[in-house]
N, C-alpha and C. Protein backbone atom coordinates (compact mmCIF):
# COMPACT_ATOMS: atom_id res chain seq x y z
N MET A 1 -14.22 -4.45 -7.64
CA MET A 1 -15.27 -4.90 -6.74
C MET A 1 -14.75 -4.86 -5.32
N ARG A 2 -15.49 -4.24 -4.43
CA ARG A 2 -15.08 -4.13 -3.03
C ARG A 2 -15.64 -5.29 -2.24
N LEU A 3 -14.82 -5.80 -1.34
CA LEU A 3 -15.26 -6.87 -0.47
C LEU A 3 -16.05 -6.29 0.69
N PRO A 4 -17.07 -6.97 1.16
CA PRO A 4 -17.79 -6.49 2.34
C PRO A 4 -16.84 -6.38 3.53
N LEU A 5 -17.13 -5.45 4.41
CA LEU A 5 -16.28 -5.23 5.57
C LEU A 5 -16.17 -6.48 6.42
N LEU A 6 -17.22 -7.25 6.54
CA LEU A 6 -17.17 -8.48 7.32
C LEU A 6 -16.15 -9.45 6.74
N HIS A 7 -16.13 -9.57 5.41
CA HIS A 7 -15.17 -10.45 4.75
C HIS A 7 -13.74 -9.96 5.01
N LEU A 8 -13.53 -8.66 4.93
CA LEU A 8 -12.20 -8.11 5.20
C LEU A 8 -11.79 -8.33 6.64
N ALA A 9 -12.73 -8.21 7.56
CA ALA A 9 -12.42 -8.47 8.96
C ALA A 9 -12.02 -9.93 9.16
N LEU A 10 -12.69 -10.84 8.45
CA LEU A 10 -12.35 -12.26 8.52
C LEU A 10 -10.96 -12.50 7.97
N VAL A 11 -10.64 -11.90 6.84
CA VAL A 11 -9.30 -12.02 6.26
C VAL A 11 -8.27 -11.48 7.23
N ALA A 12 -8.54 -10.33 7.82
CA ALA A 12 -7.61 -9.72 8.77
C ALA A 12 -7.38 -10.64 9.96
N ALA A 13 -8.45 -11.26 10.45
CA ALA A 13 -8.31 -12.16 11.59
C ALA A 13 -7.47 -13.38 11.23
N VAL A 14 -7.65 -13.90 10.04
CA VAL A 14 -6.92 -15.10 9.63
C VAL A 14 -5.43 -14.81 9.48
N ILE A 15 -5.09 -13.69 8.88
CA ILE A 15 -3.67 -13.43 8.67
C ILE A 15 -3.03 -12.69 9.82
N GLY A 16 -3.82 -12.31 10.82
CA GLY A 16 -3.25 -11.74 12.02
C GLY A 16 -3.20 -10.23 12.07
N LEU A 17 -3.91 -9.53 11.18
CA LEU A 17 -3.95 -8.08 11.22
C LEU A 17 -5.04 -7.62 12.17
N PRO A 18 -4.85 -6.49 12.83
CA PRO A 18 -5.96 -5.93 13.60
C PRO A 18 -7.10 -5.57 12.66
N THR A 19 -8.34 -5.81 13.07
CA THR A 19 -9.50 -5.56 12.23
C THR A 19 -9.55 -4.10 11.80
N SER A 20 -9.18 -3.18 12.67
CA SER A 20 -9.23 -1.76 12.31
C SER A 20 -8.31 -1.45 11.14
N MET A 21 -7.22 -2.19 11.01
CA MET A 21 -6.30 -1.98 9.91
C MET A 21 -6.95 -2.39 8.59
N ALA A 22 -7.70 -3.47 8.59
CA ALA A 22 -8.37 -3.94 7.37
C ALA A 22 -9.42 -2.93 6.94
N VAL A 23 -10.17 -2.40 7.88
CA VAL A 23 -11.21 -1.43 7.56
C VAL A 23 -10.58 -0.15 7.04
N THR A 24 -9.49 0.28 7.63
CA THR A 24 -8.79 1.48 7.18
C THR A 24 -8.35 1.32 5.73
N HIS A 25 -7.84 0.15 5.36
CA HIS A 25 -7.39 -0.06 3.99
C HIS A 25 -8.53 0.00 2.99
N THR A 26 -9.73 -0.38 3.38
CA THR A 26 -10.84 -0.35 2.43
C THR A 26 -11.19 1.08 2.05
N ALA A 27 -10.95 2.02 2.94
CA ALA A 27 -11.27 3.41 2.66
C ALA A 27 -10.11 4.11 1.95
N ALA A 28 -9.04 3.41 1.68
CA ALA A 28 -7.85 3.95 1.00
C ALA A 28 -7.29 5.16 1.73
N GLN A 29 -7.33 5.12 3.05
CA GLN A 29 -6.76 6.17 3.87
C GLN A 29 -5.37 5.75 4.30
N PRO A 30 -4.48 6.71 4.54
CA PRO A 30 -3.17 6.34 5.04
C PRO A 30 -3.32 5.72 6.42
N THR A 31 -2.54 4.69 6.68
CA THR A 31 -2.62 4.03 7.97
C THR A 31 -1.54 4.56 8.89
N PRO A 32 -1.92 4.93 10.11
CA PRO A 32 -0.91 5.37 11.06
C PRO A 32 -0.07 4.17 11.47
N ALA A 33 1.12 4.47 11.95
CA ALA A 33 1.98 3.38 12.41
C ALA A 33 1.27 2.68 13.55
N SER A 34 0.96 1.43 13.36
CA SER A 34 0.25 0.69 14.39
C SER A 34 1.25 -0.09 15.23
N PRO A 35 0.92 -0.25 16.50
CA PRO A 35 1.83 -1.02 17.34
C PRO A 35 1.88 -2.46 16.86
N ILE A 36 3.00 -3.10 17.08
CA ILE A 36 3.14 -4.50 16.71
C ILE A 36 2.37 -5.33 17.72
N VAL A 37 1.44 -6.10 17.21
CA VAL A 37 0.62 -6.95 18.06
C VAL A 37 1.20 -8.35 17.99
N PRO A 38 1.60 -8.91 19.13
CA PRO A 38 2.16 -10.26 19.07
C PRO A 38 1.09 -11.26 18.64
N ILE A 39 1.49 -12.20 17.82
CA ILE A 39 0.58 -13.24 17.37
C ILE A 39 0.69 -14.39 18.34
N THR A 40 -0.43 -14.79 18.89
CA THR A 40 -0.44 -15.88 19.87
C THR A 40 -1.25 -17.05 19.33
N ASP A 41 -1.15 -18.17 20.02
CA ASP A 41 -1.92 -19.35 19.64
C ASP A 41 -3.34 -19.23 20.19
N ASP A 42 -4.05 -18.20 19.75
CA ASP A 42 -5.40 -17.97 20.24
C ASP A 42 -6.45 -18.68 19.40
N MET A 43 -6.02 -19.40 18.38
CA MET A 43 -6.94 -20.09 17.48
C MET A 43 -6.36 -21.47 17.19
N PRO A 44 -7.19 -22.50 17.29
CA PRO A 44 -6.70 -23.83 16.92
C PRO A 44 -6.28 -23.87 15.45
N LEU A 45 -5.25 -24.63 15.16
CA LEU A 45 -4.73 -24.71 13.80
C LEU A 45 -5.82 -25.16 12.81
N ALA A 46 -6.64 -26.11 13.21
CA ALA A 46 -7.71 -26.59 12.31
C ALA A 46 -8.67 -25.46 11.94
N ASP A 47 -8.99 -24.60 12.90
CA ASP A 47 -9.88 -23.46 12.62
C ASP A 47 -9.22 -22.47 11.67
N TYR A 48 -7.93 -22.21 11.90
CA TYR A 48 -7.19 -21.29 11.04
C TYR A 48 -7.16 -21.82 9.61
N LEU A 49 -6.88 -23.10 9.46
CA LEU A 49 -6.84 -23.71 8.13
C LEU A 49 -8.21 -23.71 7.46
N ALA A 50 -9.26 -23.92 8.26
CA ALA A 50 -10.62 -23.90 7.70
C ALA A 50 -10.96 -22.50 7.18
N LEU A 51 -10.55 -21.48 7.90
CA LEU A 51 -10.79 -20.12 7.42
C LEU A 51 -9.99 -19.84 6.15
N LEU A 52 -8.74 -20.29 6.12
CA LEU A 52 -7.94 -20.12 4.91
C LEU A 52 -8.62 -20.80 3.72
N ALA A 53 -9.17 -21.99 3.94
CA ALA A 53 -9.82 -22.73 2.86
C ALA A 53 -11.01 -21.95 2.30
N GLN A 54 -11.73 -21.24 3.18
CA GLN A 54 -12.88 -20.46 2.74
C GLN A 54 -12.45 -19.22 1.97
N ILE A 55 -11.37 -18.60 2.40
CA ILE A 55 -10.93 -17.33 1.82
C ILE A 55 -10.12 -17.55 0.55
N ALA A 56 -9.16 -18.46 0.63
CA ALA A 56 -8.23 -18.68 -0.49
C ALA A 56 -7.78 -20.14 -0.50
N PRO A 57 -8.44 -20.96 -1.30
CA PRO A 57 -8.09 -22.38 -1.32
C PRO A 57 -6.61 -22.65 -1.61
N ALA A 58 -5.98 -21.88 -2.47
CA ALA A 58 -4.55 -22.10 -2.75
C ALA A 58 -3.71 -21.81 -1.52
N ALA A 59 -4.09 -20.80 -0.73
CA ALA A 59 -3.37 -20.50 0.51
C ALA A 59 -3.53 -21.65 1.49
N HIS A 60 -4.71 -22.23 1.54
CA HIS A 60 -4.96 -23.38 2.41
C HIS A 60 -4.09 -24.57 1.98
N GLU A 61 -4.10 -24.87 0.69
CA GLU A 61 -3.33 -26.01 0.19
C GLU A 61 -1.82 -25.78 0.38
N GLY A 62 -1.36 -24.57 0.11
CA GLY A 62 0.05 -24.25 0.31
C GLY A 62 0.44 -24.35 1.76
N ALA A 63 -0.44 -23.87 2.64
CA ALA A 63 -0.17 -23.96 4.09
C ALA A 63 -0.12 -25.41 4.54
N GLN A 64 -1.02 -26.23 4.02
CA GLN A 64 -1.02 -27.66 4.37
C GLN A 64 0.30 -28.31 3.94
N ALA A 65 0.74 -28.01 2.73
CA ALA A 65 2.00 -28.57 2.24
C ALA A 65 3.17 -28.08 3.09
N TYR A 66 3.14 -26.81 3.47
CA TYR A 66 4.19 -26.23 4.30
C TYR A 66 4.22 -26.90 5.67
N LEU A 67 3.04 -27.10 6.26
CA LEU A 67 2.95 -27.77 7.57
C LEU A 67 3.54 -29.18 7.50
N GLN A 68 3.20 -29.91 6.45
CA GLN A 68 3.70 -31.27 6.29
C GLN A 68 5.22 -31.26 6.11
N ALA A 69 5.72 -30.38 5.28
CA ALA A 69 7.17 -30.30 5.05
C ALA A 69 7.89 -29.88 6.33
N PHE A 70 7.30 -28.96 7.07
CA PHE A 70 7.92 -28.51 8.33
C PHE A 70 8.01 -29.68 9.31
N ARG A 71 6.93 -30.42 9.43
CA ARG A 71 6.92 -31.56 10.36
C ARG A 71 7.98 -32.60 9.95
N GLN A 72 8.07 -32.88 8.66
CA GLN A 72 9.04 -33.87 8.19
C GLN A 72 10.47 -33.40 8.39
N ARG A 73 10.74 -32.14 8.08
CA ARG A 73 12.12 -31.63 8.16
C ARG A 73 12.54 -31.27 9.57
N CYS A 74 11.60 -30.80 10.37
CA CYS A 74 11.94 -30.25 11.68
C CYS A 74 11.58 -31.16 12.84
N GLY A 75 10.81 -32.20 12.57
CA GLY A 75 10.48 -33.17 13.61
C GLY A 75 9.47 -32.69 14.63
N ARG A 76 8.77 -31.65 14.33
CA ARG A 76 7.71 -31.16 15.23
C ARG A 76 6.67 -30.42 14.39
N PRO A 77 5.46 -30.32 14.92
CA PRO A 77 4.44 -29.57 14.18
C PRO A 77 4.67 -28.07 14.33
N LEU A 78 4.24 -27.32 13.35
CA LEU A 78 4.27 -25.86 13.39
C LEU A 78 3.05 -25.40 14.17
N ARG A 79 3.24 -24.49 15.10
CA ARG A 79 2.12 -23.97 15.89
C ARG A 79 1.32 -22.96 15.07
N THR A 80 0.10 -22.74 15.47
CA THR A 80 -0.77 -21.78 14.78
C THR A 80 -0.11 -20.41 14.70
N ALA A 81 0.43 -19.95 15.82
CA ALA A 81 1.06 -18.62 15.84
C ALA A 81 2.22 -18.55 14.85
N GLU A 82 2.98 -19.61 14.73
CA GLU A 82 4.11 -19.62 13.79
C GLU A 82 3.61 -19.55 12.35
N LEU A 83 2.55 -20.29 12.04
CA LEU A 83 1.99 -20.25 10.69
C LEU A 83 1.40 -18.88 10.39
N ARG A 84 0.68 -18.32 11.34
CA ARG A 84 0.11 -16.99 11.13
C ARG A 84 1.21 -15.96 10.89
N ARG A 85 2.28 -16.06 11.65
CA ARG A 85 3.40 -15.13 11.49
C ARG A 85 4.04 -15.32 10.11
N ALA A 86 4.23 -16.58 9.72
CA ALA A 86 4.83 -16.87 8.41
C ALA A 86 3.97 -16.33 7.27
N MET A 87 2.66 -16.32 7.45
CA MET A 87 1.75 -15.81 6.43
C MET A 87 1.71 -14.29 6.39
N SER A 88 1.83 -13.66 7.56
CA SER A 88 1.49 -12.24 7.62
C SER A 88 2.64 -11.26 7.78
N GLU A 89 3.77 -11.68 8.29
CA GLU A 89 4.85 -10.72 8.50
C GLU A 89 5.53 -10.34 7.19
N GLY A 90 5.65 -9.06 6.97
CA GLY A 90 6.28 -8.57 5.74
C GLY A 90 5.54 -9.08 4.52
N ASP A 91 6.28 -9.64 3.59
CA ASP A 91 5.67 -10.23 2.39
C ASP A 91 5.35 -11.70 2.58
N GLY A 92 5.49 -12.20 3.79
CA GLY A 92 5.26 -13.61 4.08
C GLY A 92 6.55 -14.39 3.96
N GLU A 93 6.62 -15.52 4.64
CA GLU A 93 7.80 -16.37 4.59
C GLU A 93 7.96 -16.85 3.15
N PRO A 94 9.11 -16.62 2.52
CA PRO A 94 9.26 -16.89 1.09
C PRO A 94 8.93 -18.32 0.66
N VAL A 95 9.34 -19.30 1.42
CA VAL A 95 9.05 -20.69 1.03
C VAL A 95 7.55 -20.95 1.11
N LEU A 96 6.92 -20.49 2.17
CA LEU A 96 5.47 -20.65 2.30
C LEU A 96 4.74 -19.96 1.16
N MET A 97 5.12 -18.73 0.84
CA MET A 97 4.46 -18.00 -0.25
C MET A 97 4.69 -18.72 -1.58
N GLY A 98 5.87 -19.31 -1.76
CA GLY A 98 6.14 -20.10 -2.96
C GLY A 98 5.26 -21.33 -3.02
N MET A 99 5.01 -21.93 -1.86
CA MET A 99 4.15 -23.11 -1.82
C MET A 99 2.69 -22.74 -2.11
N VAL A 100 2.28 -21.58 -1.67
CA VAL A 100 0.93 -21.11 -2.00
C VAL A 100 0.82 -20.92 -3.51
N ARG A 101 1.82 -20.30 -4.10
CA ARG A 101 1.81 -20.08 -5.55
C ARG A 101 1.84 -21.42 -6.30
N ALA A 102 2.70 -22.33 -5.86
CA ALA A 102 2.77 -23.64 -6.51
C ALA A 102 1.44 -24.39 -6.38
N SER A 103 0.77 -24.23 -5.25
CA SER A 103 -0.55 -24.86 -5.08
C SER A 103 -1.55 -24.26 -6.06
N HIS A 104 -1.50 -22.95 -6.20
CA HIS A 104 -2.40 -22.28 -7.14
C HIS A 104 -2.16 -22.77 -8.58
N LEU A 105 -0.89 -22.97 -8.91
CA LEU A 105 -0.54 -23.42 -10.27
C LEU A 105 -0.63 -24.94 -10.43
N ARG A 106 -0.97 -25.63 -9.36
CA ARG A 106 -1.02 -27.11 -9.36
C ARG A 106 0.34 -27.70 -9.76
N ASP A 107 1.40 -27.12 -9.23
CA ASP A 107 2.77 -27.51 -9.55
C ASP A 107 3.31 -28.44 -8.46
N ALA A 108 3.05 -29.73 -8.58
CA ALA A 108 3.48 -30.70 -7.57
C ALA A 108 5.00 -30.75 -7.46
N ASN A 109 5.70 -30.64 -8.58
CA ASN A 109 7.16 -30.65 -8.56
C ASN A 109 7.69 -29.43 -7.79
N GLY A 110 7.10 -28.27 -8.04
CA GLY A 110 7.50 -27.06 -7.33
C GLY A 110 7.26 -27.17 -5.84
N LEU A 111 6.11 -27.76 -5.47
CA LEU A 111 5.81 -27.97 -4.05
C LEU A 111 6.86 -28.86 -3.40
N ALA A 112 7.22 -29.93 -4.08
CA ALA A 112 8.22 -30.85 -3.54
C ALA A 112 9.57 -30.16 -3.37
N GLN A 113 9.98 -29.39 -4.36
CA GLN A 113 11.26 -28.69 -4.28
C GLN A 113 11.24 -27.66 -3.15
N LEU A 114 10.16 -26.92 -3.04
CA LEU A 114 10.06 -25.93 -1.97
C LEU A 114 10.04 -26.59 -0.60
N GLY A 115 9.41 -27.75 -0.51
CA GLY A 115 9.36 -28.48 0.76
C GLY A 115 10.75 -28.79 1.30
N GLN A 116 11.72 -28.96 0.39
CA GLN A 116 13.10 -29.23 0.80
C GLN A 116 13.81 -27.97 1.31
N ARG A 117 13.20 -26.82 1.12
CA ARG A 117 13.82 -25.55 1.53
C ARG A 117 13.23 -24.99 2.81
N VAL A 118 12.29 -25.70 3.44
CA VAL A 118 11.69 -25.23 4.68
C VAL A 118 12.77 -25.13 5.75
N VAL A 119 12.78 -23.99 6.44
CA VAL A 119 13.77 -23.73 7.49
C VAL A 119 13.10 -23.95 8.85
N CYS A 120 13.77 -24.70 9.70
CA CYS A 120 13.20 -25.01 11.01
C CYS A 120 13.26 -23.83 11.97
N ASP A 121 14.31 -23.06 11.94
CA ASP A 121 14.43 -21.88 12.78
C ASP A 121 13.85 -20.72 12.01
N GLN A 122 12.61 -20.33 12.30
CA GLN A 122 11.90 -19.31 11.54
C GLN A 122 12.62 -17.97 11.52
N ARG A 123 13.39 -17.66 12.54
CA ARG A 123 14.09 -16.38 12.56
C ARG A 123 15.17 -16.32 11.50
N ARG A 124 15.75 -17.46 11.11
CA ARG A 124 16.82 -17.47 10.12
C ARG A 124 16.29 -17.39 8.70
N SER A 125 15.01 -17.63 8.49
CA SER A 125 14.47 -17.67 7.13
C SER A 125 14.20 -16.28 6.57
N ARG A 126 14.37 -15.26 7.32
CA ARG A 126 14.11 -13.89 6.87
C ARG A 126 15.34 -13.24 6.32
């Protein structure tokens, strides 16, 4: 089943991909090397989370758990741009992706364990 282009554009916006890239993927065409677009805090965190909740509830719940763990471990909130980058660069930040999976599986123990592995310096977590 193919998703409507509008839905794909919304997904692309949430995870930080250029909309043209999402449309290209729907046609199963090879994608040219696209320039790296810096992710900025152009969207309030609450709006980003609301979009995640609409698209993928487990991603929303995992992101919420990640945000809470980050704040507890690092002593500051994670900015929208940082969360978007953690979701979209490469295969995604491994701890965050694990938290999304644990949320999907309703694995509270797994979420707690992963929360202890959150890295404050995002560059070192790769």
